[in-house]
N, C-alpha and C. Protein backbone atom coordinates (compact mmCIF):
# COMPACT_ATOMS: atom_id res chain seq x y z
N MET A 1 -12.06 -5.36 23.06
CA MET A 1 -13.12 -6.01 22.13
C MET A 1 -14.58 -5.67 22.82
N GLY A 2 -15.37 -5.32 21.89
CA GLY A 2 -16.98 -4.98 22.00
C GLY A 2 -17.63 -6.30 21.76
N LEU A 3 -18.81 -6.37 22.47
CA LEU A 3 -19.84 -7.02 22.28
C LEU A 3 -20.95 -6.41 22.45
N ASP A 4 -22.13 -7.02 21.60
CA ASP A 4 -23.18 -6.46 21.70
C ASP A 4 -24.27 -7.74 20.92
N ALA A 5 -25.46 -7.53 21.60
CA ALA A 5 -26.65 -8.74 21.15
C ALA A 5 -27.73 -8.07 21.12
N ARG A 6 -28.82 -8.65 20.05
CA ARG A 6 -30.18 -8.10 20.19
C ARG A 6 -30.66 -9.45 21.03
N LEU A 7 -31.34 -9.33 21.76
CA LEU A 7 -32.07 -10.35 22.92
C LEU A 7 -33.56 -10.21 23.53
N GLY A 8 -34.10 -10.62 23.45
CA GLY A 8 -35.39 -11.37 23.54
C GLY A 8 -35.39 -12.02 24.84
N ALA A 9 -36.49 -11.50 25.98
CA ALA A 9 -36.26 -12.20 27.32
C ALA A 9 -36.77 -13.81 27.37
N VAL A 10 -37.73 -14.30 26.08
CA VAL A 10 -38.14 -15.17 25.74
C VAL A 10 -36.89 -16.12 25.35
N GLY A 11 -36.18 -15.61 24.22
CA GLY A 11 -35.06 -16.18 23.80
C GLY A 11 -33.80 -16.47 24.44
N LEU A 12 -33.57 -15.33 25.32
CA LEU A 12 -32.44 -15.79 26.63
C LEU A 12 -32.92 -16.89 27.42
N ALA A 13 -34.00 -16.62 27.70
CA ALA A 13 -34.44 -17.86 28.75
C ALA A 13 -34.03 -19.39 28.20
N LEU A 14 -34.57 -19.29 26.96
CA LEU A 14 -34.07 -20.43 25.88
C LEU A 14 -32.77 -20.83 25.54
N GLY A 15 -31.91 -19.74 25.70
CA GLY A 15 -30.47 -20.10 25.29
C GLY A 15 -30.65 -19.89 23.69
N GLN A 16 -31.35 -19.17 23.31
CA GLN A 16 -31.34 -18.14 21.71
C GLN A 16 -31.16 -16.77 21.81
N LEU A 17 -30.49 -16.40 20.92
CA LEU A 17 -30.26 -15.26 20.57
C LEU A 17 -30.52 -14.65 19.30
N ASP A 18 -30.75 -13.83 18.89
CA ASP A 18 -31.09 -13.41 17.58
C ASP A 18 -29.57 -13.08 16.64
N ASP A 19 -29.08 -11.92 17.11
CA ASP A 19 -27.57 -11.87 16.42
C ASP A 19 -26.90 -11.14 17.68
N VAL A 20 -25.32 -11.68 17.85
CA VAL A 20 -24.61 -11.49 18.39
C VAL A 20 -23.26 -11.01 17.37
N ARG A 21 -22.69 -9.56 17.89
CA ARG A 21 -21.63 -8.89 17.22
C ARG A 21 -20.82 -8.56 18.15
N ILE A 22 -19.32 -9.16 17.15
CA ILE A 22 -18.43 -8.93 18.07
C ILE A 22 -17.20 -8.12 17.50
N GLU A 23 -16.76 -7.14 18.02
CA GLU A 23 -15.59 -5.95 17.66
C GLU A 23 -14.31 -6.04 18.35
N LEU A 24 -13.35 -6.50 17.20
CA LEU A 24 -12.08 -6.38 17.63
C LEU A 24 -11.15 -5.61 17.08
N GLU A 25 -10.16 -5.12 18.08
CA GLU A 25 -9.16 -4.24 16.93
C GLU A 25 -7.63 -4.64 17.40
N ASP A 26 -7.21 -4.12 16.78
CA ASP A 26 -5.53 -4.28 16.40
C ASP A 26 -5.23 -6.19 16.63
N VAL A 27 -5.70 -6.78 15.88
CA VAL A 27 -5.76 -8.34 15.58
C VAL A 27 -4.37 -8.76 15.10
N ARG A 28 -3.64 -9.51 15.70
CA ARG A 28 -2.92 -10.55 15.05
C ARG A 28 -3.35 -11.73 14.38
N TRP A 29 -3.20 -11.75 13.52
CA TRP A 29 -3.64 -12.99 12.19
C TRP A 29 -2.27 -13.53 11.49
N SER A 30 -1.76 -14.68 11.78
CA SER A 30 -0.27 -15.23 11.13
C SER A 30 0.74 -14.18 11.00
N ARG A 31 0.81 -13.48 9.76
CA ARG A 31 2.02 -12.74 10.10
C ARG A 31 1.56 -11.26 9.54
N TRP A 32 0.05 -11.29 9.38
CA TRP A 32 -0.61 -9.76 8.80
C TRP A 32 -1.21 -9.39 10.55
N ARG A 33 -1.14 -7.73 10.59
CA ARG A 33 -2.08 -7.41 11.38
C ARG A 33 -3.30 -6.34 11.04
N ALA A 34 -4.46 -6.67 11.88
CA ALA A 34 -5.44 -5.96 11.31
C ALA A 34 -5.81 -4.97 11.79
N ARG A 35 -6.53 -3.76 11.58
CA ARG A 35 -7.16 -2.76 12.29
C ARG A 35 -8.17 -3.26 13.15
N ARG A 36 -9.03 -3.64 12.49
CA ARG A 36 -10.21 -3.84 12.94
C ARG A 36 -10.96 -5.05 12.45
N ALA A 37 -11.43 -6.08 13.30
CA ALA A 37 -12.17 -7.18 12.68
C ALA A 37 -13.60 -7.26 13.48
N SER A 38 -14.64 -7.31 12.94
CA SER A 38 -15.93 -7.86 13.36
C SER A 38 -16.28 -9.13 12.95
N VAL A 39 -17.31 -10.02 13.75
CA VAL A 39 -18.06 -11.22 13.46
C VAL A 39 -19.38 -10.68 14.11
N VAL A 40 -20.38 -11.29 12.87
CA VAL A 40 -21.65 -11.34 13.40
C VAL A 40 -21.98 -12.80 13.01
N CYS A 41 -22.82 -13.21 14.30
CA CYS A 41 -23.34 -14.65 14.59
C CYS A 41 -24.42 -14.42 14.21
N HIS A 42 -25.31 -14.94 13.59
CA HIS A 42 -27.09 -14.72 13.29
C HIS A 42 -27.56 -16.08 13.94
N ASP A 43 -28.52 -15.96 14.48
CA ASP A 43 -29.53 -17.39 15.28
C ASP A 43 -28.40 -18.01 15.97
N VAL A 44 -28.29 -17.69 17.21
CA VAL A 44 -27.08 -18.02 18.19
C VAL A 44 -27.84 -19.12 18.75
N HIS A 45 -27.45 -20.43 19.07
CA HIS A 45 -28.27 -21.34 20.27
C HIS A 45 -27.22 -21.69 20.69
N VAL A 46 -27.88 -22.34 22.10
CA VAL A 46 -26.57 -23.58 22.62
C VAL A 46 -27.56 -24.77 22.28
N ASN A 47 -26.50 -25.99 22.04
CA ASN A 47 -26.97 -27.40 21.84
C ASN A 47 -25.92 -27.92 23.25
N PRO A 48 -27.00 -29.04 23.34
CA PRO A 48 -26.50 -29.80 24.68
C PRO A 48 -25.22 -30.60 23.64
N PRO A 49 -24.01 -30.81 24.49
CA PRO A 49 -23.62 -30.50 25.86
C PRO A 49 -22.84 -29.39 25.71
N ALA A 50 -23.02 -27.98 25.84
CA ALA A 50 -22.44 -27.07 26.21
C ALA A 50 -21.95 -26.65 24.60
N THR A 51 -22.60 -26.60 23.45
CA THR A 51 -21.69 -26.34 22.14
C THR A 51 -22.80 -24.94 21.60
N LEU A 52 -21.87 -24.01 21.38
CA LEU A 52 -22.37 -22.77 21.20
C LEU A 52 -22.62 -22.96 19.28
N VAL A 53 -23.71 -22.39 18.82
CA VAL A 53 -24.13 -22.81 17.34
C VAL A 53 -24.46 -21.65 16.74
N SER A 54 -23.82 -21.35 15.40
CA SER A 54 -24.65 -19.87 15.12
C SER A 54 -24.49 -20.11 13.59
N SER A 55 -25.66 -19.85 12.84
CA SER A 55 -25.67 -19.98 11.16
C SER A 55 -26.53 -18.93 10.69
N PRO A 56 -26.08 -18.27 10.05
CA PRO A 56 -24.62 -17.73 9.51
C PRO A 56 -23.85 -16.63 10.48
N VAL A 57 -22.59 -16.82 10.11
CA VAL A 57 -21.47 -16.16 10.44
C VAL A 57 -21.04 -15.27 9.30
N GLU A 58 -21.24 -13.79 9.91
CA GLU A 58 -20.18 -12.95 8.59
C GLU A 58 -19.27 -12.38 9.57
N PHE A 59 -18.30 -12.25 8.84
CA PHE A 59 -16.93 -11.37 9.04
C PHE A 59 -16.39 -10.68 8.55
N ARG A 60 -15.63 -9.69 8.73
CA ARG A 60 -14.98 -8.58 8.32
C ARG A 60 -13.67 -7.93 8.89
N LEU A 61 -12.75 -7.93 7.95
CA LEU A 61 -11.13 -7.74 8.50
C LEU A 61 -10.57 -6.58 7.71
N GLU A 62 -10.26 -5.39 8.63
CA GLU A 62 -9.96 -4.04 8.00
C GLU A 62 -8.29 -3.94 8.21
N VAL A 63 -7.51 -4.23 6.94
CA VAL A 63 -6.13 -4.68 7.04
C VAL A 63 -5.58 -3.49 5.98
N ALA A 64 -4.45 -2.62 6.53
CA ALA A 64 -3.75 -1.88 5.85
C ALA A 64 -2.63 -2.47 5.26
N PHE A 65 -2.83 -1.37 3.95
CA PHE A 65 -1.58 -2.37 3.05
C PHE A 65 -0.42 -2.47 3.64
N SER A 66 0.25 -1.70 4.82
CA SER A 66 1.51 -1.22 5.62
C SER A 66 1.69 -2.45 6.51
N ASP A 67 0.36 -3.27 6.60
CA ASP A 67 0.69 -4.40 7.98
C ASP A 67 1.05 -5.88 7.03
N ILE A 68 0.89 -5.50 5.67
CA ILE A 68 0.92 -7.00 5.43
C ILE A 68 3.07 -7.07 4.81
N PRO A 69 3.19 -7.92 4.95
CA PRO A 69 4.91 -7.90 5.05
C PRO A 69 4.92 -8.07 3.81
N GLU A 70 4.20 -8.58 2.84
CA GLU A 70 4.77 -8.31 1.18
C GLU A 70 4.78 -6.96 0.33
N LEU A 71 3.77 -6.18 1.23
CA LEU A 71 3.51 -5.02 0.58
C LEU A 71 4.00 -3.88 1.28
N GLN A 72 4.95 -3.77 2.12
CA GLN A 72 5.33 -2.59 3.28
C GLN A 72 6.22 -2.07 2.30
N ARG A 73 6.86 -2.30 1.34
CA ARG A 73 7.88 -1.50 0.73
C ARG A 73 6.85 -0.71 -0.23
N LEU A 74 5.71 -0.98 -0.65
CA LEU A 74 4.95 -0.51 -1.73
C LEU A 74 3.66 0.54 -1.27
N ARG A 75 3.80 0.57 -0.04
CA ARG A 75 2.60 1.07 0.58
C ARG A 75 2.17 2.92 0.10
N TRP A 76 3.33 3.13 -0.44
CA TRP A 76 3.25 4.70 -0.52
C TRP A 76 2.93 4.41 -2.41
N LEU A 77 2.76 3.41 -2.94
CA LEU A 77 2.22 3.52 -4.58
C LEU A 77 0.71 3.07 -4.65
N PRO A 78 0.28 3.73 -5.59
CA PRO A 78 -1.08 3.76 -5.67
C PRO A 78 -1.54 2.10 -6.18
N LEU A 79 -2.17 1.50 -5.33
CA LEU A 79 -2.36 0.04 -5.44
C LEU A 79 -3.84 -0.16 -5.89
N THR A 80 -4.46 -1.32 -6.64
CA THR A 80 -5.35 -1.84 -6.77
C THR A 80 -5.16 -3.30 -6.32
N VAL A 81 -6.26 -4.04 -5.62
CA VAL A 81 -6.75 -5.31 -5.08
C VAL A 81 -7.93 -5.91 -6.09
N TRP A 82 -7.77 -7.21 -5.76
CA TRP A 82 -8.82 -7.84 -5.97
C TRP A 82 -8.59 -9.04 -5.66
N LEU A 83 -9.85 -10.04 -5.25
CA LEU A 83 -9.62 -11.16 -4.67
C LEU A 83 -10.03 -12.17 -5.62
N ALA A 84 -9.06 -13.21 -5.67
CA ALA A 84 -9.02 -14.39 -6.59
C ALA A 84 -9.30 -15.83 -5.57
N GLY A 85 -10.18 -16.14 -5.35
CA GLY A 85 -10.03 -17.52 -4.50
C GLY A 85 -10.10 -17.15 -2.96
N SER A 86 -8.81 -17.50 -2.35
CA SER A 86 -8.41 -16.98 -0.96
C SER A 86 -6.75 -16.48 -1.52
N GLU A 87 -6.89 -15.74 -2.34
CA GLU A 87 -5.60 -15.16 -2.45
C GLU A 87 -5.97 -13.32 -2.66
N VAL A 88 -4.99 -12.65 -2.22
CA VAL A 88 -5.26 -11.16 -2.85
C VAL A 88 -4.32 -10.30 -3.61
N HIS A 89 -4.50 -10.13 -4.54
CA HIS A 89 -3.75 -9.72 -6.24
C HIS A 89 -3.89 -8.11 -5.99
N VAL A 90 -2.48 -8.00 -6.03
CA VAL A 90 -2.31 -6.37 -5.87
C VAL A 90 -1.85 -5.99 -7.05
N ARG A 91 -1.78 -5.27 -7.72
CA ARG A 91 -1.42 -4.53 -9.02
C ARG A 91 -0.50 -3.17 -8.67
N LEU A 92 0.70 -2.90 -9.23
CA LEU A 92 0.87 -1.84 -8.81
C LEU A 92 0.69 -1.15 -10.33
N HIS A 93 0.58 -1.33 -11.35
CA HIS A 93 0.63 -0.66 -12.67
C HIS A 93 0.16 -1.52 -13.64
N ARG A 94 -1.20 -1.05 -14.57
CA ARG A 94 -2.03 -1.80 -15.34
C ARG A 94 -0.74 -2.57 -16.18
N TRP A 95 0.50 -2.22 -16.74
CA TRP A 95 1.26 -2.95 -17.35
C TRP A 95 2.45 -4.14 -16.74
N LEU A 96 1.88 -3.69 -15.11
CA LEU A 96 2.79 -4.77 -14.76
C LEU A 96 2.19 -6.04 -13.95
N PRO A 97 2.63 -7.41 -13.80
CA PRO A 97 2.08 -8.27 -13.48
C PRO A 97 1.56 -8.44 -12.07
N PRO A 98 0.46 -8.74 -11.58
CA PRO A 98 0.00 -8.35 -10.12
C PRO A 98 0.59 -9.05 -9.03
N ARG A 99 1.21 -8.86 -7.77
CA ARG A 99 1.47 -9.60 -6.72
C ARG A 99 0.32 -10.12 -6.45
N VAL A 100 0.79 -11.57 -5.95
CA VAL A 100 -0.19 -12.33 -5.17
C VAL A 100 0.05 -12.64 -3.74
N VAL A 101 -0.76 -12.31 -3.00
CA VAL A 101 -0.50 -12.35 -1.44
C VAL A 101 -1.39 -13.53 -0.65
N ALA A 102 -1.13 -14.60 -0.57
CA ALA A 102 -1.94 -15.21 0.22
C ALA A 102 -2.65 -14.96 1.59
N VAL A 103 -3.76 -15.32 1.55
CA VAL A 103 -4.56 -14.77 2.85
C VAL A 103 -4.24 -15.81 3.53
N PRO A 104 -3.80 -15.57 5.15
CA PRO A 104 -3.78 -16.75 5.92
C PRO A 104 -5.24 -17.24 6.33
N ASP A 105 -5.09 -18.65 6.69
CA ASP A 105 -6.36 -19.34 6.77
C ASP A 105 -7.19 -18.52 7.86
N LEU A 106 -8.64 -18.77 7.44
CA LEU A 106 -9.24 -18.24 8.25
C LEU A 106 -9.87 -19.12 8.93
N PRO A 107 -10.21 -19.04 10.70
CA PRO A 107 -10.64 -19.78 11.52
C PRO A 107 -12.06 -20.62 11.16
N ARG A 108 -12.47 -21.58 11.89
CA ARG A 108 -13.55 -22.27 11.67
C ARG A 108 -14.44 -22.49 10.49
N GLY A 109 -14.06 -22.93 9.06
CA GLY A 109 -14.56 -22.44 8.16
C GLY A 109 -14.96 -21.32 7.37
N ILE A 110 -14.66 -20.21 7.72
CA ILE A 110 -15.10 -18.98 7.04
C ILE A 110 -14.41 -18.93 5.59
N ALA A 111 -15.08 -18.68 4.55
CA ALA A 111 -14.85 -18.37 3.41
C ALA A 111 -14.61 -16.56 3.15
N LEU A 112 -13.58 -16.44 2.35
CA LEU A 112 -13.59 -15.01 1.71
C LEU A 112 -14.68 -15.00 0.65
N THR A 113 -15.81 -13.93 0.75
CA THR A 113 -16.27 -13.49 -0.23
C THR A 113 -16.32 -12.22 -0.96
N GLY A 114 -15.33 -11.45 -0.60
CA GLY A 114 -15.11 -10.10 -1.15
C GLY A 114 -14.04 -9.69 -0.55
N ILE A 115 -13.89 -8.46 -1.49
CA ILE A 115 -12.79 -7.49 -0.96
C ILE A 115 -13.21 -5.99 -1.32
N GLU A 116 -13.28 -5.21 -0.36
CA GLU A 116 -13.36 -3.74 -0.35
C GLU A 116 -12.17 -2.71 -0.30
N GLN A 117 -11.50 -1.83 -1.43
CA GLN A 117 -10.38 -1.40 -1.30
C GLN A 117 -10.88 0.23 -0.90
N HIS A 118 -10.04 0.71 0.02
CA HIS A 118 -10.08 2.14 0.14
C HIS A 118 -8.03 2.63 -0.19
N ASP A 119 -8.23 3.46 0.35
CA ASP A 119 -6.97 4.69 -0.16
C ASP A 119 -5.74 3.45 0.60
N ASP A 120 -5.56 3.35 1.73
CA ASP A 120 -4.56 2.93 2.66
C ASP A 120 -5.04 1.69 3.34
N HIS A 121 -6.00 1.21 2.83
CA HIS A 121 -6.45 -0.28 3.36
C HIS A 121 -7.11 -0.92 2.71
N PHE A 122 -7.46 -2.24 2.82
CA PHE A 122 -8.75 -2.98 2.08
C PHE A 122 -9.18 -3.73 3.33
N VAL A 123 -10.88 -3.76 2.84
CA VAL A 123 -11.22 -5.18 3.46
C VAL A 123 -11.79 -6.36 3.31
N LEU A 124 -11.57 -7.21 4.00
CA LEU A 124 -11.95 -8.70 3.42
C LEU A 124 -13.12 -9.11 4.09
N THR A 125 -14.10 -9.26 3.57
CA THR A 125 -15.50 -10.11 3.70
C THR A 125 -15.44 -11.37 3.52
N GLY A 126 -16.01 -12.27 4.49
CA GLY A 126 -16.07 -13.79 4.35
C GLY A 126 -17.64 -14.22 5.05
N THR A 127 -17.76 -15.35 5.15
CA THR A 127 -18.76 -15.89 5.78
C THR A 127 -18.68 -17.46 5.92
N ALA A 128 -19.52 -17.97 6.78
CA ALA A 128 -19.47 -19.51 7.33
C ALA A 128 -21.03 -20.00 7.45
N PRO A 129 -21.30 -21.22 6.79
CA PRO A 129 -22.86 -21.24 6.63
C PRO A 129 -23.16 -21.39 8.56
N VAL A 130 -22.34 -22.32 9.23
CA VAL A 130 -22.62 -22.48 10.52
C VAL A 130 -21.17 -22.73 11.05
N LEU A 131 -21.04 -22.14 13.01
CA LEU A 131 -20.10 -22.05 13.29
C LEU A 131 -20.47 -23.01 14.92
N ARG A 132 -19.50 -24.21 15.16
CA ARG A 132 -20.01 -24.84 16.55
C ARG A 132 -18.72 -24.63 17.25
N GLU A 133 -18.86 -23.95 18.34
CA GLU A 133 -17.91 -24.11 19.35
C GLU A 133 -18.19 -24.93 20.37
N ARG A 134 -17.64 -25.48 20.80
CA ARG A 134 -17.92 -26.57 22.19
C ARG A 134 -17.11 -25.89 23.46
N LEU A 135 -17.98 -25.31 24.47
CA LEU A 135 -17.36 -24.40 25.54
C LEU A 135 -17.45 -25.39 27.17
N THR A 136 -16.59 -25.42 27.37
CA THR A 136 -16.53 -26.04 29.15
C THR A 136 -18.27 -25.23 29.63
N LEU A 137 -18.42 -26.00 30.62
CA LEU A 137 -19.50 -25.26 31.71
C LEU A 137 -19.54 -24.05 32.28
N GLY A 138 -18.18 -23.55 32.40
CA GLY A 138 -17.92 -22.43 33.16
C GLY A 138 -17.70 -21.53 31.94
N GLN A 139 -17.09 -21.91 30.89
CA GLN A 139 -17.05 -20.75 29.62
C GLN A 139 -18.79 -20.34 29.21
N LEU A 140 -19.38 -21.53 29.01
CA LEU A 140 -20.94 -20.90 28.87
C LEU A 140 -21.23 -20.42 29.52
N ALA A 141 -21.45 -20.43 31.21
CA ALA A 141 -22.13 -19.63 32.07
C ALA A 141 -21.37 -18.33 32.10
N GLY A 142 -20.34 -18.07 31.70
CA GLY A 142 -19.77 -16.68 31.74
C GLY A 142 -20.33 -15.85 30.17
N VAL A 143 -20.29 -16.61 29.36
CA VAL A 143 -21.05 -16.15 28.20
C VAL A 143 -22.54 -15.83 28.57
N LEU A 144 -23.03 -16.86 28.96
CA LEU A 144 -24.64 -16.42 29.42
C LEU A 144 -24.46 -15.30 30.42
N ARG A 145 -23.71 -14.84 31.65
CA ARG A 145 -23.62 -14.14 32.68
C ARG A 145 -23.68 -12.55 31.77
N ARG A 146 -22.44 -12.83 30.72
CA ARG A 146 -22.11 -11.22 30.17
C ARG A 146 -23.24 -11.20 29.04
N LEU A 147 -23.95 -12.10 28.69
CA LEU A 147 -25.46 -11.66 27.22
C LEU A 147 -26.24 -11.08 28.31
N ALA A 148 -26.69 -11.84 29.63
CA ALA A 148 -27.61 -11.67 30.88
C ALA A 148 -27.73 -10.02 30.89
N SER A 149 -26.44 -9.68 31.10
CA SER A 149 -26.08 -8.21 31.80
C SER A 149 -25.67 -7.04 30.57
N ILE A 150 -25.80 -7.65 29.36
CA ILE A 150 -26.32 -6.77 28.50
C ILE A 150 -27.85 -6.25 28.35
N HIS A 151 -28.28 -7.85 28.42
CA HIS A 151 -30.03 -7.43 28.27
C HIS A 151 -30.37 -6.35 29.49
N SER A 152 -30.11 -6.64 30.39
CA SER A 152 -30.29 -5.72 31.80
C SER A 152 -29.89 -4.52 31.60
N SER A 153 -28.57 -4.16 30.78
CA SER A 153 -28.28 -2.80 31.15
C SER A 153 -28.01 -2.17 29.64
N THR A 154 -26.96 -1.54 29.31
CA THR A 154 -26.77 -1.17 28.07
C THR A 154 -26.84 -1.65 26.58
N ARG A 155 -27.04 -3.03 26.46
CA ARG A 155 -26.99 -4.02 25.73
C ARG A 155 -25.28 -3.97 25.15
N SER A 156 -24.56 -3.78 25.72
CA SER A 156 -22.86 -3.90 25.30
C SER A 156 -22.16 -4.24 26.20
N ASP A 157 -21.09 -4.77 26.05
CA ASP A 157 -20.20 -4.87 27.14
C ASP A 157 -18.82 -5.26 26.37
N THR A 158 -17.77 -4.37 27.33
CA THR A 158 -16.52 -4.03 26.54
C THR A 158 -15.55 -4.84 27.06
N THR A 159 -15.92 -5.88 27.99
CA THR A 159 -14.79 -6.75 28.78
C THR A 159 -14.22 -7.59 27.91
N SER A 160 -13.20 -8.00 28.03
CA SER A 160 -12.46 -9.20 27.32
C SER A 160 -12.80 -10.77 27.65
N GLY A 161 -12.40 -11.42 26.97
CA GLY A 161 -12.03 -12.91 27.76
C GLY A 161 -13.12 -13.75 26.98
N ILE A 162 -14.14 -13.15 26.08
CA ILE A 162 -14.65 -14.10 25.32
C ILE A 162 -14.39 -14.08 24.20
N SER A 163 -14.05 -15.41 23.63
CA SER A 163 -13.53 -16.04 22.02
C SER A 163 -14.32 -17.21 21.64
N ILE A 164 -14.94 -16.51 20.58
CA ILE A 164 -15.89 -17.59 19.54
C ILE A 164 -15.16 -18.49 19.03
N TRP A 165 -13.57 -18.41 19.05
CA TRP A 165 -12.65 -18.88 18.20
C TRP A 165 -11.98 -20.28 19.56
N GLY A 166 -12.04 -19.80 20.37
CA GLY A 166 -11.71 -20.84 21.58
C GLY A 166 -10.11 -20.41 22.00
N THR A 167 -9.87 -19.44 21.17
CA THR A 167 -8.01 -19.27 21.72
C THR A 167 -7.88 -18.05 22.72
């Protein structure tokens, strides 16, 4: 896991951050596996009592065709994908009806906004207007300690343990 944040001394002292970017690799998500995931939280601040708030939140998830159970046998075929609501439609050939693959539920109110197709994978994008995550005081202290260390050193932290999803 990687963590990066744009910090200002005044904002950090007030518990406010411009952007926090979280990078994850090899993410298990329901029956799917994702190569990479990134979450960018904008205008992050802490509200009493120990609630981390971000508005808005952007989400990207890179998924290989071979990592979706319904498509594992078809991964060698040229596939065309598009997003319709919360479903990925996959076409094998223009004369065949598409296969519909339901996307597992996204956490904390993130809604899918788009899909980018690549040769062997696709990238799902999503957004949430606001994210509120209650933290224990110990978790909040840990987050602020890591963010303070980012500000005072290289501005990136690759230690594990911070989860904005509460898992």
